[in-house]
Amino acid sequence: MTMKIETATDGQTVVLRLVGSIESMYLDELQAEVRRYRLPLVLDLDQVTLVDVGVVRFLIACEAEGIELLRCAPYIRSGCVRTGVGRSDANNDHDGRAYAAGWLR
Protein backbone atom coordinates (compact mmCIF):
# COMPACT_ATOMS: atom_id res chain seq x y z
CA MET A 1 0.00 0.00 0.00
CA THR A 2 1.19 3.49 -0.78
CA MET A 3 0.55 6.62 1.22
CA LYS A 4 -2.95 8.03 1.57
CA ILE A 5 -3.94 11.30 3.25
CA GLU A 6 -7.37 11.78 4.82
CA THR A 7 -8.40 15.23 6.07
CA ALA A 8 -10.75 16.05 8.95
CA THR A 9 -11.46 19.28 10.81
CA ASP A 10 -13.50 20.45 13.76
CA GLY A 11 -13.53 24.01 12.45
CA GLN A 12 -10.38 25.03 14.32
CA THR A 13 -7.89 22.16 14.10
CA VAL A 14 -7.13 20.24 10.93
CA VAL A 15 -6.14 16.58 11.27
CA LEU A 16 -4.26 14.93 8.44
CA ARG A 17 -4.61 11.18 8.92
CA LEU A 18 -1.74 9.42 7.18
CA VAL A 19 -2.32 5.85 6.05
CA GLY A 20 0.12 3.27 4.71
CA SER A 21 3.79 3.34 3.88
CA ILE A 22 5.35 6.80 3.71
CA GLU A 23 8.62 7.05 1.83
CA SER A 24 10.74 10.06 0.90
CA MET A 25 9.38 10.03 -2.64
CA TYR A 26 6.01 11.16 -1.17
CA LEU A 27 7.42 14.07 0.83
CA ASP A 28 6.66 16.72 -1.79
CA GLU A 29 2.99 15.69 -1.79
CA LEU A 30 2.86 15.52 2.00
CA GLN A 31 4.64 18.86 2.41
CA ALA A 32 2.19 20.51 -0.02
CA GLU A 33 -0.74 19.13 1.96
CA VAL A 34 0.72 20.37 5.26
CA ARG A 35 1.37 23.84 3.80
CA ARG A 36 -2.26 24.08 2.71
CA TYR A 37 -3.43 24.46 6.33
CA ARG A 38 -2.69 26.84 9.19
CA LEU A 39 -1.84 25.80 12.71
CA PRO A 40 -3.15 24.12 14.77
CA LEU A 41 -2.44 21.12 12.59
CA VAL A 42 -2.23 17.49 13.66
CA LEU A 43 -0.66 14.57 11.82
CA ASP A 44 -2.40 11.36 12.90
CA LEU A 45 0.11 8.55 12.35
CA ASP A 46 -1.98 5.68 13.74
CA GLN A 47 -2.31 3.92 10.37
CA VAL A 48 1.27 4.48 9.19
CA THR A 49 2.96 1.15 8.55
CA LEU A 50 6.45 2.19 7.47
CA VAL A 51 8.60 5.32 7.17
CA ASP A 52 12.14 5.91 5.98
CA VAL A 53 14.75 8.23 7.46
CA GLY A 54 13.77 11.14 5.20
CA VAL A 55 10.23 10.94 6.55
CA VAL A 56 11.49 10.82 10.14
CA ARG A 57 13.44 14.01 9.46
CA PHE A 58 10.33 15.60 7.96
CA LEU A 59 8.32 14.68 11.07
CA ILE A 60 11.00 16.22 13.30
CA ALA A 61 10.70 19.45 11.32
CA CYS A 62 6.91 19.33 11.62
CA GLU A 63 7.12 19.07 15.41
CA ALA A 64 9.65 21.91 15.51
CA GLU A 65 7.11 24.06 13.62
CA GLY A 66 4.34 23.29 16.14
CA ILE A 67 2.56 20.47 14.32
CA GLU A 68 1.35 17.77 16.69
CA LEU A 69 2.20 14.13 15.94
CA LEU A 70 -0.76 12.09 17.17
CA ARG A 71 -0.57 8.33 17.81
CA CYS A 72 3.01 8.13 16.64
CA ALA A 73 4.30 4.54 16.70
CA PRO A 74 7.17 3.88 19.10
CA TYR A 75 9.53 2.92 16.26
CA ILE A 76 8.88 6.26 14.55
CA ARG A 77 9.26 8.20 17.81
CA SER A 78 12.55 6.43 18.58
CA GLY A 79 13.76 7.28 15.08
CA CYS A 80 12.98 10.93 15.81
CA VAL A 81 14.97 10.76 19.03
CA ARG A 82 17.92 8.98 17.39
CA THR A 83 17.99 11.32 14.39
CA GLY A 84 17.76 14.43 16.54
CA VAL A 85 17.11 18.04 15.67
CA GLY A 86 20.08 20.25 14.94
CA ARG A 87 22.48 17.61 13.66
CA SER A 88 23.87 18.67 10.32
CA ASP A 89 22.94 15.37 8.65
CA ALA A 90 19.36 15.67 9.96
CA ASN A 91 18.70 18.70 7.80
CA ASN A 92 18.53 16.98 4.42
CA ASP A 93 16.92 13.86 3.06
CA HIS A 94 18.69 11.51 0.65
CA ASP A 95 17.99 13.84 -2.30
CA GLY A 96 19.54 16.81 -0.50
CA ARG A 97 16.21 18.64 -0.12
CA ALA A 98 15.96 20.58 3.12
CA TYR A 99 13.35 19.51 5.64
CA ALA A 100 14.78 21.29 8.64
CA ALA A 101 12.79 23.51 10.96
CA GLY A 102 11.64 26.58 9.10
CA TRP A 103 10.47 24.91 5.89
CA LEU A 104 6.85 25.95 6.53
CA ARG A 105 7.65 29.66 6.38
PDB file of N, CA and C in Angstrom:
ATOM      1  N   MET A   1       0.838  -1.187   0.000  1.00  0.00           N
ATOM      2  CA  MET A   1       0.000   0.000   0.000  1.00  0.00           C
ATOM      3  C   MET A   1       0.875   1.239   0.000  1.00  0.00           C
ATOM      4  N   THR A   2       0.489   2.218  -0.772  1.00  0.00           N
ATOM      5  CA  THR A   2       1.191   3.488  -0.783  1.00  0.00           C
ATOM      6  C   THR A   2       0.547   4.431   0.219  1.00  0.00           C
ATOM      7  N   MET A   3       1.057   5.630   0.273  1.00  0.00           N
ATOM      8  CA  MET A   3       0.549   6.622   1.218  1.00  0.00           C
ATOM      9  C   MET A   3      -0.810   7.162   0.780  1.00  0.00           C
ATOM     10  N   LYS A   4      -1.645   7.409   1.776  1.00  0.00           N
ATOM     11  CA  LYS A   4      -2.947   8.026   1.569  1.00  0.00           C
ATOM     12  C   LYS A   4      -3.113   9.088   2.647  1.00  0.00           C
ATOM     13  N   ILE A   5      -3.711  10.225   2.299  1.00  0.00           N
ATOM     14  CA  ILE A   5      -3.939  11.304   3.255  1.00  0.00           C
ATOM     15  C   ILE A   5      -5.436  11.567   3.343  1.00  0.00           C
ATOM     16  N   GLU A   6      -5.966  11.470   4.562  1.00  0.00           N
ATOM     17  CA  GLU A   6      -7.370  11.780   4.817  1.00  0.00           C
ATOM     18  C   GLU A   6      -7.410  13.029   5.681  1.00  0.00           C
ATOM     19  N   THR A   7      -8.323  13.951   5.367  1.00  0.00           N
ATOM     20  CA  THR A   7      -8.404  15.229   6.072  1.00  0.00           C
ATOM     21  C   THR A   7      -9.698  15.325   6.864  1.00  0.00           C
ATOM     22  N   ALA A   8      -9.580  15.799   8.103  1.00  0.00           N
ATOM     23  CA  ALA A   8     -10.752  16.053   8.952  1.00  0.00           C
ATOM     24  C   ALA A   8     -10.502  17.360   9.701  1.00  0.00           C
ATOM     25  N   THR A   9     -11.590  18.047  10.044  1.00  0.00           N
ATOM     26  CA  THR A   9     -11.464  19.278  10.809  1.00  0.00           C
ATOM     27  C   THR A   9     -12.661  19.441  11.737  1.00  0.00           C
ATOM     28  N   ASP A  10     -12.418  20.118  12.847  1.00  0.00           N
ATOM     29  CA  ASP A  10     -13.503  20.454  13.764  1.00  0.00           C
ATOM     30  C   ASP A  10     -13.834  21.933  13.657  1.00  0.00           C
ATOM     31  N   GLY A  11     -13.317  22.584  12.635  1.00  0.00           N
ATOM     32  CA  GLY A  11     -13.531  24.007  12.448  1.00  0.00           C
ATOM     33  C   GLY A  11     -12.371  24.860  12.934  1.00  0.00           C
ATOM     34  N   GLN A  12     -11.551  24.309  13.811  1.00  0.00           N
ATOM     35  CA  GLN A  12     -10.381  25.026  14.315  1.00  0.00           C
ATOM     36  C   GLN A  12      -9.097  24.277  14.012  1.00  0.00           C
ATOM     37  N   THR A  13      -9.077  22.984  14.300  1.00  0.00           N
ATOM     38  CA  THR A  13      -7.893  22.158  14.097  1.00  0.00           C
ATOM     39  C   THR A  13      -8.115  21.246  12.901  1.00  0.00           C
ATOM     40  N   VAL A  14      -7.094  21.162  12.063  1.00  0.00           N
ATOM     41  CA  VAL A  14      -7.128  20.243  10.933  1.00  0.00           C
ATOM     42  C   VAL A  14      -6.286  19.022  11.300  1.00  0.00           C
ATOM     43  N   VAL A  15      -6.856  17.841  11.041  1.00  0.00           N
ATOM     44  CA  VAL A  15      -6.143  16.583  11.273  1.00  0.00           C
ATOM     45  C   VAL A  15      -5.898  15.933   9.920  1.00  0.00           C
ATOM     46  N   LEU A  16      -4.631  15.688   9.626  1.00  0.00           N
ATOM     47  CA  LEU A  16      -4.259  14.930   8.444  1.00  0.00           C
ATOM     48  C   LEU A  16      -3.948  13.517   8.907  1.00  0.00           C
ATOM     49  N   ARG A  17      -4.805  12.581   8.536  1.00  0.00           N
ATOM     50  CA  ARG A  17      -4.615  11.178   8.916  1.00  0.00           C
ATOM     51  C   ARG A  17      -3.822  10.515   7.800  1.00  0.00           C
ATOM     52  N   LEU A  18      -2.619  10.063   8.153  1.00  0.00           N
ATOM     53  CA  LEU A  18      -1.744   9.423   7.179  1.00  0.00           C
ATOM     54  C   LEU A  18      -1.928   7.920   7.268  1.00  0.00           C
ATOM     55  N   VAL A  19      -2.045   7.282   6.108  1.00  0.00           N
ATOM     56  CA  VAL A  19      -2.315   5.848   6.048  1.00  0.00           C
ATOM     57  C   VAL A  19      -1.301   5.197   5.123  1.00  0.00           C
ATOM     58  N   GLY A  20      -0.750   4.074   5.567  1.00  0.00           N
ATOM     59  CA  GLY A  20       0.115   3.273   4.713  1.00  0.00           C
ATOM     60  C   GLY A  20       1.593   3.530   4.912  1.00  0.00           C
ATOM     61  N   SER A  21       2.342   3.209   3.888  1.00  0.00           N
ATOM     62  CA  SER A  21       3.792   3.337   3.883  1.00  0.00           C
ATOM     63  C   SER A  21       4.178   4.707   3.348  1.00  0.00           C
ATOM     64  N   ILE A  22       4.951   5.456   4.123  1.00  0.00           N
ATOM     65  CA  ILE A  22       5.355   6.796   3.708  1.00  0.00           C
ATOM     66  C   ILE A  22       6.856   6.787   3.457  1.00  0.00           C
ATOM     67  N   GLU A  23       7.219   7.024   2.228  1.00  0.00           N
ATOM     68  CA  GLU A  23       8.621   7.053   1.828  1.00  0.00           C
ATOM     69  C   GLU A  23       8.981   8.458   1.362  1.00  0.00           C
ATOM     70  N   SER A  24      10.266   8.731   1.283  1.00  0.00           N
ATOM     71  CA  SER A  24      10.744  10.061   0.904  1.00  0.00           C
ATOM     72  C   SER A  24      10.188  10.530  -0.431  1.00  0.00           C
ATOM     73  N   MET A  25       9.896   9.611  -1.334  1.00  0.00           N
ATOM     74  CA  MET A  25       9.378  10.025  -2.641  1.00  0.00           C
ATOM     75  C   MET A  25       7.997  10.688  -2.526  1.00  0.00           C
ATOM     76  N   TYR A  26       7.309  10.539  -1.398  1.00  0.00           N
ATOM     77  CA  TYR A  26       6.006  11.157  -1.169  1.00  0.00           C
ATOM     78  C   TYR A  26       6.093  12.476  -0.403  1.00  0.00           C
ATOM     79  N   LEU A  27       7.297  12.888  -0.027  1.00  0.00           N
ATOM     80  CA  LEU A  27       7.423  14.070   0.826  1.00  0.00           C
ATOM     81  C   LEU A  27       6.939  15.358   0.162  1.00  0.00           C
ATOM     82  N   ASP A  28       7.141  15.508  -1.125  1.00  0.00           N
ATOM     83  CA  ASP A  28       6.657  16.724  -1.791  1.00  0.00           C
ATOM     84  C   ASP A  28       5.139  16.831  -1.676  1.00  0.00           C
ATOM     85  N   GLU A  29       4.453  15.720  -1.909  1.00  0.00           N
ATOM     86  CA  GLU A  29       2.992  15.688  -1.791  1.00  0.00           C
ATOM     87  C   GLU A  29       2.546  15.966  -0.360  1.00  0.00           C
ATOM     88  N   LEU A  30       3.214  15.330   0.597  1.00  0.00           N
ATOM     89  CA  LEU A  30       2.858  15.520   1.999  1.00  0.00           C
ATOM     90  C   LEU A  30       3.148  16.947   2.447  1.00  0.00           C
ATOM     91  N   GLN A  31       4.280  17.478   2.052  1.00  0.00           N
ATOM     92  CA  GLN A  31       4.637  18.855   2.409  1.00  0.00           C
ATOM     93  C   GLN A  31       3.624  19.832   1.830  1.00  0.00           C
ATOM     94  N   ALA A  32       3.198  19.631   0.592  1.00  0.00           N
ATOM     95  CA  ALA A  32       2.191  20.510  -0.022  1.00  0.00           C
ATOM     96  C   ALA A  32       0.876  20.456   0.754  1.00  0.00           C
ATOM     97  N   GLU A  33       0.500  19.281   1.193  1.00  0.00           N
ATOM     98  CA  GLU A  33      -0.744  19.134   1.956  1.00  0.00           C
ATOM     99  C   GLU A  33      -0.633  19.829   3.313  1.00  0.00           C
ATOM    100  N   VAL A  34       0.501  19.712   3.967  1.00  0.00           N
ATOM    101  CA  VAL A  34       0.718  20.369   5.259  1.00  0.00           C
ATOM    102  C   VAL A  34       0.699  21.884   5.087  1.00  0.00           C
ATOM    103  N   ARG A  35       1.321  22.392   4.041  1.00  0.00           N
ATOM    104  CA  ARG A  35       1.367  23.839   3.803  1.00  0.00           C
ATOM    105  C   ARG A  35      -0.011  24.430   3.513  1.00  0.00           C
ATOM    106  N   ARG A  36      -0.920  23.612   3.066  1.00  0.00           N
ATOM    107  CA  ARG A  36      -2.262  24.078   2.709  1.00  0.00           C
ATOM    108  C   ARG A  36      -3.035  24.589   3.928  1.00  0.00           C
ATOM    109  N   TYR A  37      -2.667  24.144   5.118  1.00  0.00           N
ATOM    110  CA  TYR A  37      -3.433  24.460   6.327  1.00  0.00           C
ATOM    111  C   TYR A  37      -2.609  25.286   7.306  1.00  0.00           C
ATOM    112  N   ARG A  38      -3.318  26.067   8.116  1.00  0.00           N
ATOM    113  CA  ARG A  38      -2.689  26.843   9.188  1.00  0.00           C
ATOM    114  C   ARG A  38      -2.682  26.009  10.471  1.00  0.00           C
ATOM    115  N   LEU A  39      -1.847  26.433  11.401  1.00  0.00           N
ATOM    116  CA  LEU A  39      -1.835  25.800  12.714  1.00  0.00           C
ATOM    117  C   LEU A  39      -3.098  26.202  13.455  1.00  0.00           C
ATOM    118  N   PRO A  40      -3.655  25.419  14.326  1.00  0.00           N
ATOM    119  CA  PRO A  40      -3.145  24.123  14.775  1.00  0.00           C
ATOM    120  C   PRO A  40      -3.420  23.020  13.750  1.00  0.00           C
ATOM    121  N   LEU A  41      -2.395  22.226  13.541  1.00  0.00           N
ATOM    122  CA  LEU A  41      -2.439  21.119  12.595  1.00  0.00           C
ATOM    123  C   LEU A  41      -1.934  19.874  13.306  1.00  0.00           C
ATOM    124  N   VAL A  42      -2.589  18.759  13.038  1.00  0.00           N
ATOM    125  CA  VAL A  42      -2.231  17.488  13.661  1.00  0.00           C
ATOM    126  C   VAL A  42      -1.987  16.467  12.559  1.00  0.00           C
ATOM    127  N   LEU A  43      -0.901  15.719  12.686  1.00  0.00           N
ATOM    128  CA  LEU A  43      -0.657  14.568  11.821  1.00  0.00           C
ATOM    129  C   LEU A  43      -0.975  13.320  12.629  1.00  0.00           C
ATOM    130  N   ASP A  44      -2.008  12.601  12.233  1.00  0.00           N
ATOM    131  CA  ASP A  44      -2.397  11.358  12.904  1.00  0.00           C
ATOM    132  C   ASP A  44      -1.666  10.214  12.207  1.00  0.00           C
ATOM    133  N   LEU A  45      -0.761   9.576  12.923  1.00  0.00           N
ATOM    134  CA  LEU A  45       0.110   8.547  12.351  1.00  0.00           C
ATOM    135  C   LEU A  45      -0.313   7.132  12.732  1.00  0.00           C
ATOM    136  N   ASP A  46      -1.528   6.980  13.251  1.00  0.00           N
ATOM    137  CA  ASP A  46      -1.983   5.676  13.743  1.00  0.00           C
ATOM    138  C   ASP A  46      -1.941   4.580  12.677  1.00  0.00           C
ATOM    139  N   GLN A  47      -2.242   4.922  11.438  1.00  0.00           N
ATOM    140  CA  GLN A  47      -2.313   3.920  10.370  1.00  0.00           C
ATOM    141  C   GLN A  47      -1.062   3.873   9.491  1.00  0.00           C
ATOM    142  N   VAL A  48       0.014   4.515   9.941  1.00  0.00           N
ATOM    143  CA  VAL A  48       1.274   4.479   9.185  1.00  0.00           C
ATOM    144  C   VAL A  48       1.970   3.155   9.465  1.00  0.00           C
ATOM    145  N   THR A  49       2.347   2.473   8.394  1.00  0.00           N
ATOM    146  CA  THR A  49       2.955   1.151   8.550  1.00  0.00           C
ATOM    147  C   THR A  49       4.468   1.166   8.415  1.00  0.00           C
ATOM    148  N   LEU A  50       5.011   2.157   7.711  1.00  0.00           N
ATOM    149  CA  LEU A  50       6.453   2.195   7.473  1.00  0.00           C
ATOM    150  C   LEU A  50       6.866   3.600   7.093  1.00  0.00           C
ATOM    151  N   VAL A  51       8.010   4.050   7.587  1.00  0.00           N
ATOM    152  CA  VAL A  51       8.596   5.324   7.168  1.00  0.00           C
ATOM    153  C   VAL A  51      10.084   5.113   6.949  1.00  0.00           C
ATOM    154  N   ASP A  52      10.691   5.966   6.126  1.00  0.00           N
ATOM    155  CA  ASP A  52      12.138   5.909   5.980  1.00  0.00           C
ATOM    156  C   ASP A  52      12.759   7.107   6.700  1.00  0.00           C
ATOM    157  N   VAL A  53      14.061   7.200   6.681  1.00  0.00           N
ATOM    158  CA  VAL A  53      14.754   8.225   7.464  1.00  0.00           C
ATOM    159  C   VAL A  53      14.404   9.633   6.985  1.00  0.00           C
ATOM    160  N   GLY A  54      14.172   9.827   5.698  1.00  0.00           N
ATOM    161  CA  GLY A  54      13.767  11.142   5.199  1.00  0.00           C
ATOM    162  C   GLY A  54      12.447  11.581   5.790  1.00  0.00           C
ATOM    163  N   VAL A  55      11.535  10.647   5.961  1.00  0.00           N
ATOM    164  CA  VAL A  55      10.233  10.944   6.549  1.00  0.00           C
ATOM    165  C   VAL A  55      10.384  11.265   8.036  1.00  0.00           C
ATOM    166  N   VAL A  56      11.238  10.532   8.726  1.00  0.00           N
ATOM    167  CA  VAL A  56      11.494  10.823  10.145  1.00  0.00           C
ATOM    168  C   VAL A  56      12.006  12.251  10.285  1.00  0.00           C
ATOM    169  N   ARG A  57      12.912  12.647   9.422  1.00  0.00           N
ATOM    170  CA  ARG A  57      13.444  14.014   9.463  1.00  0.00           C
ATOM    171  C   ARG A  57      12.342  15.037   9.186  1.00  0.00           C
ATOM    172  N   PHE A  58      11.468  14.735   8.258  1.00  0.00           N
ATOM    173  CA  PHE A  58      10.330  15.604   7.959  1.00  0.00           C
ATOM    174  C   PHE A  58       9.433  15.742   9.191  1.00  0.00           C
ATOM    175  N   LEU A  59       9.164  14.645   9.876  1.00  0.00           N
ATOM    176  CA  LEU A  59       8.319  14.681  11.069  1.00  0.00           C
ATOM    177  C   LEU A  59       8.968  15.491  12.188  1.00  0.00           C
ATOM    178  N   ILE A  60      10.277  15.401  12.321  1.00  0.00           N
ATOM    179  CA  ILE A  60      11.003  16.219  13.299  1.00  0.00           C
ATOM    180  C   ILE A  60      10.781  17.701  12.996  1.00  0.00           C
ATOM    181  N   ALA A  61      10.899  18.059  11.720  1.00  0.00           N
ATOM    182  CA  ALA A  61      10.705  19.451  11.319  1.00  0.00           C
ATOM    183  C   ALA A  61       9.268  19.891  11.587  1.00  0.00           C
ATOM    184  N   CYS A  62       8.314  19.010  11.341  1.00  0.00           N
ATOM    185  CA  CYS A  62       6.910  19.333  11.622  1.00  0.00           C
ATOM    186  C   CYS A  62       6.717  19.655  13.094  1.00  0.00           C
ATOM    187  N   GLU A  63       7.250  18.813  13.962  1.00  0.00           N
ATOM    188  CA  GLU A  63       7.125  19.067  15.412  1.00  0.00           C
ATOM    189  C   GLU A  63       7.786  20.377  15.789  1.00  0.00           C
ATOM    190  N   ALA A  64       8.947  20.666  15.207  1.00  0.00           N
ATOM    191  CA  ALA A  64       9.652  21.911  15.510  1.00  0.00           C
ATOM    192  C   ALA A  64       8.831  23.126  15.091  1.00  0.00           C
ATOM    193  N   GLU A  65       7.964  22.969  14.101  1.00  0.00           N
ATOM    194  CA  GLU A  65       7.115  24.058  13.622  1.00  0.00           C
ATOM    195  C   GLU A  65       5.782  24.129  14.358  1.00  0.00           C
ATOM    196  N   GLY A  66       5.553  23.237  15.325  1.00  0.00           N
ATOM    197  CA  GLY A  66       4.341  23.291  16.136  1.00  0.00           C
ATOM    198  C   GLY A  66       3.236  22.351  15.694  1.00  0.00           C
ATOM    199  N   ILE A  67       3.543  21.457  14.768  1.00  0.00           N
ATOM    200  CA  ILE A  67       2.558  20.472  14.322  1.00  0.00           C
ATOM    201  C   ILE A  67       2.599  19.287  15.273  1.00  0.00           C
ATOM    202  N   GLU A  68       1.429  18.888  15.755  1.00  0.00           N
ATOM    203  CA  GLU A  68       1.347  17.771  16.693  1.00  0.00           C
ATOM    204  C   GLU A  68       1.395  16.443  15.942  1.00  0.00           C
ATOM    205  N   LEU A  69       2.182  15.499  16.466  1.00  0.00           N
ATOM    206  CA  LEU A  69       2.205  14.133  15.944  1.00  0.00           C
ATOM    207  C   LEU A  69       1.341  13.285  16.872  1.00  0.00           C
ATOM    208  N   LEU A  70       0.208  12.850  16.383  1.00  0.00           N
ATOM    209  CA  LEU A  70      -0.760  12.092  17.170  1.00  0.00           C
ATOM    210  C   LEU A  70      -0.607  10.610  16.869  1.00  0.00           C
ATOM    211  N   ARG A  71      -0.642   9.794  17.917  1.00  0.00           N
ATOM    212  CA  ARG A  71      -0.573   8.334  17.810  1.00  0.00           C
ATOM    213  C   ARG A  71       0.622   7.883  16.966  1.00  0.00           C
ATOM    214  N   CYS A  72       1.751   8.440  17.313  1.00  0.00           N
ATOM    215  CA  CYS A  72       3.014   8.135  16.637  1.00  0.00           C
ATOM    216  C   CYS A  72       3.562   6.818  17.176  1.00  0.00           C
ATOM    217  N   ALA A  73       3.795   5.860  16.292  1.00  0.00           N
ATOM    218  CA  ALA A  73       4.295   4.542  16.696  1.00  0.00           C
ATOM    219  C   ALA A  73       5.646   4.673  17.396  1.00  0.00           C
ATOM    220  N   PRO A  74       5.899   3.813  18.369  1.00  0.00           N
ATOM    221  CA  PRO A  74       7.173   3.881  19.095  1.00  0.00           C
ATOM    222  C   PRO A  74       8.399   3.816  18.188  1.00  0.00           C
ATOM    223  N   TYR A  75       8.351   3.007  17.126  1.00  0.00           N
ATOM    224  CA  TYR A  75       9.531   2.916  16.262  1.00  0.00           C
ATOM    225  C   TYR A  75       9.778   4.233  15.509  1.00  0.00           C
ATOM    226  N   ILE A  76       8.715   4.966  15.201  1.00  0.00           N
ATOM    227  CA  ILE A  76       8.884   6.264  14.550  1.00  0.00           C
ATOM    228  C   ILE A  76       9.415   7.270  15.559  1.00  0.00           C
ATOM    229  N   ARG A  77       8.828   7.284  16.752  1.00  0.00           N
ATOM    230  CA  ARG A  77       9.264   8.200  17.806  1.00  0.00           C
ATOM    231  C   ARG A  77      10.731   7.955  18.157  1.00  0.00           C
ATOM    232  N   SER A  78      11.146   6.701  18.255  1.00  0.00           N
ATOM    233  CA  SER A  78      12.550   6.426  18.583  1.00  0.00           C
ATOM    234  C   SER A  78      13.465   6.854  17.448  1.00  0.00           C
ATOM    235  N   GLY A  79      12.989   6.780  16.210  1.00  0.00           N
ATOM    236  CA  GLY A  79      13.762   7.283  15.078  1.00  0.00           C
ATOM    237  C   GLY A  79      13.934   8.784  15.157  1.00  0.00           C
ATOM    238  N   CYS A  80      12.901   9.479  15.621  1.00  0.00           N
ATOM    239  CA  CYS A  80      12.977  10.928  15.805  1.00  0.00           C
ATOM    240  C   CYS A  80      14.007  11.272  16.868  1.00  0.00           C
ATOM    241  N   VAL A  81      14.022  10.519  17.945  1.00  0.00           N
ATOM    242  CA  VAL A  81      14.971  10.762  19.032  1.00  0.00           C
ATOM    243  C   VAL A  81      16.392  10.471  18.565  1.00  0.00           C
ATOM    244  N   ARG A  82      16.584   9.346  17.869  1.00  0.00           N
ATOM    245  CA  ARG A  82      17.922   8.979  17.392  1.00  0.00           C
ATOM    246  C   ARG A  82      18.442   9.942  16.343  1.00  0.00           C
ATOM    247  N   THR A  83      17.573  10.417  15.447  1.00  0.00           N
ATOM    248  CA  THR A  83      17.994  11.319  14.387  1.00  0.00           C
ATOM    249  C   THR A  83      18.338  12.676  14.952  1.00  0.00           C
ATOM    250  N   GLY A  84      17.485  13.181  15.832  1.00  0.00           N
ATOM    251  CA  GLY A  84      17.762  14.428  16.540  1.00  0.00           C
ATOM    252  C   GLY A  84      17.608  15.668  15.686  1.00  0.00           C
ATOM    253  N   VAL A  85      17.213  16.748  16.334  1.00  0.00           N
ATOM    254  CA  VAL A  85      17.107  18.039  15.668  1.00  0.00           C
ATOM    255  C   VAL A  85      18.426  18.760  15.851  1.00  0.00           C
ATOM    256  N   GLY A  86      18.883  19.435  14.810  1.00  0.00           N
ATOM    257  CA  GLY A  86      20.080  20.246  14.939  1.00  0.00           C
ATOM    258  C   GLY A  86      21.338  19.572  14.441  1.00  0.00           C
ATOM    259  N   ARG A  87      21.326  18.267  14.244  1.00  0.00           N
ATOM    260  CA  ARG A  87      22.484  17.610  13.665  1.00  0.00           C
ATOM    261  C   ARG A  87      22.566  17.980  12.197  1.00  0.00           C
ATOM    262  N   SER A  88      23.748  18.213  11.701  1.00  0.00           N
ATOM    263  CA  SER A  88      23.873  18.671  10.316  1.00  0.00           C
ATOM    264  C   SER A  88      23.326  17.657   9.326  1.00  0.00           C
ATOM    265  N   ASP A  89      23.450  16.363   9.586  1.00  0.00           N
ATOM    266  CA  ASP A  89      22.937  15.367   8.651  1.00  0.00           C
ATOM    267  C   ASP A  89      21.435  15.175   8.793  1.00  0.00           C
ATOM    268  N   ALA A  90      20.807  15.783   9.788  1.00  0.00           N
ATOM    269  CA  ALA A  90      19.360  15.670   9.961  1.00  0.00           C
ATOM    270  C   ALA A  90      18.617  16.754   9.198  1.00  0.00           C
ATOM    271  N   ASN A  91      19.335  17.600   8.491  1.00  0.00           N
ATOM    272  CA  ASN A  91      18.696  18.705   7.804  1.00  0.00           C
ATOM    273  C   ASN A  91      18.381  18.429   6.349  1.00  0.00           C
ATOM    274  N   ASN A  92      18.785  17.305   5.814  1.00  0.00           N
ATOM    275  CA  ASN A  92      18.533  16.983   4.424  1.00  0.00           C
ATOM    276  C   ASN A  92      18.154  15.532   4.281  1.00  0.00           C
ATOM    277  N   ASP A  93      17.243  15.246   3.340  1.00  0.00           N
ATOM    278  CA  ASP A  93      16.923  13.856   3.056  1.00  0.00           C
ATOM    279  C   ASP A  93      17.919  13.333   2.030  1.00  0.00           C
ATOM    280  N   HIS A  94      17.709  12.134   1.544  1.00  0.00           N
ATOM    281  CA  HIS A  94      18.688  11.510   0.653  1.00  0.00           C
ATOM    282  C   HIS A  94      18.829  12.229  -0.677  1.00  0.00           C
ATOM    283  N   ASP A  95      17.891  13.075  -1.067  1.00  0.00           N
ATOM    284  CA  ASP A  95      17.993  13.845  -2.302  1.00  0.00           C
ATOM    285  C   ASP A  95      18.610  15.218  -2.060  1.00  0.00           C
ATOM    286  N   GLY A  96      18.949  15.531  -0.820  1.00  0.00           N
ATOM    287  CA  GLY A  96      19.542  16.810  -0.497  1.00  0.00           C
ATOM    288  C   GLY A  96      18.529  17.927  -0.314  1.00  0.00           C
ATOM    289  N   ARG A  97      17.239  17.615  -0.333  1.00  0.00           N
ATOM    290  CA  ARG A  97      16.212  18.643  -0.124  1.00  0.00           C
ATOM    291  C   ARG A  97      16.102  18.938   1.362  1.00  0.00           C
ATOM    292  N   ALA A  98      16.008  20.191   1.710  1.00  0.00           N
ATOM    293  CA  ALA A  98      15.964  20.581   3.122  1.00  0.00           C
ATOM    294  C   ALA A  98      14.593  20.336   3.714  1.00  0.00           C
ATOM    295  N   TYR A  99      14.576  19.690   4.871  1.00  0.00           N
ATOM    296  CA  TYR A  99      13.351  19.507   5.638  1.00  0.00           C
ATOM    297  C   TYR A  99      13.603  19.890   7.090  1.00  0.00           C
ATOM    298  N   ALA A 100      14.476  20.847   7.281  1.00  0.00           N
ATOM    299  CA  ALA A 100      14.779  21.289   8.636  1.00  0.00           C
ATOM    300  C   ALA A 100      13.704  22.245   9.117  1.00  0.00           C
ATOM    301  N   ALA A 101      13.743  22.544  10.399  1.00  0.00           N
ATOM    302  CA  ALA A 101      12.790  23.506  10.963  1.00  0.00           C
ATOM    303  C   ALA A 101      12.862  24.796  10.155  1.00  0.00           C
ATOM    304  N   GLY A 102      11.712  25.358   9.871  1.00  0.00           N
ATOM    305  CA  GLY A 102      11.645  26.576   9.098  1.00  0.00           C
ATOM    306  C   GLY A 102      11.108  26.384   7.698  1.00  0.00           C
ATOM    307  N   TRP A 103      10.922  25.156   7.263  1.00  0.00           N
ATOM    308  CA  TRP A 103      10.467  24.910   5.888  1.00  0.00           C
ATOM    309  C   TRP A 103       9.034  25.353   5.660  1.00  0.00           C
ATOM    310  N   LEU A 104       8.248  25.534   6.716  1.00  0.00           N
ATOM    311  CA  LEU A 104       6.852  25.950   6.534  1.00  0.00           C
ATOM    312  C   LEU A 104       6.722  27.442   6.242  1.00  0.00           C
ATOM    313  N   ARG A 105       7.744  28.199   6.531  1.00  0.00           N
ATOM    314  CA  ARG A 105       7.651  29.665   6.383  1.00  0.00           C
ATOM    315  C   ARG A 105       7.685  30.079   4.948  1.00  0.00           C
TER     316      ARG A 105
END
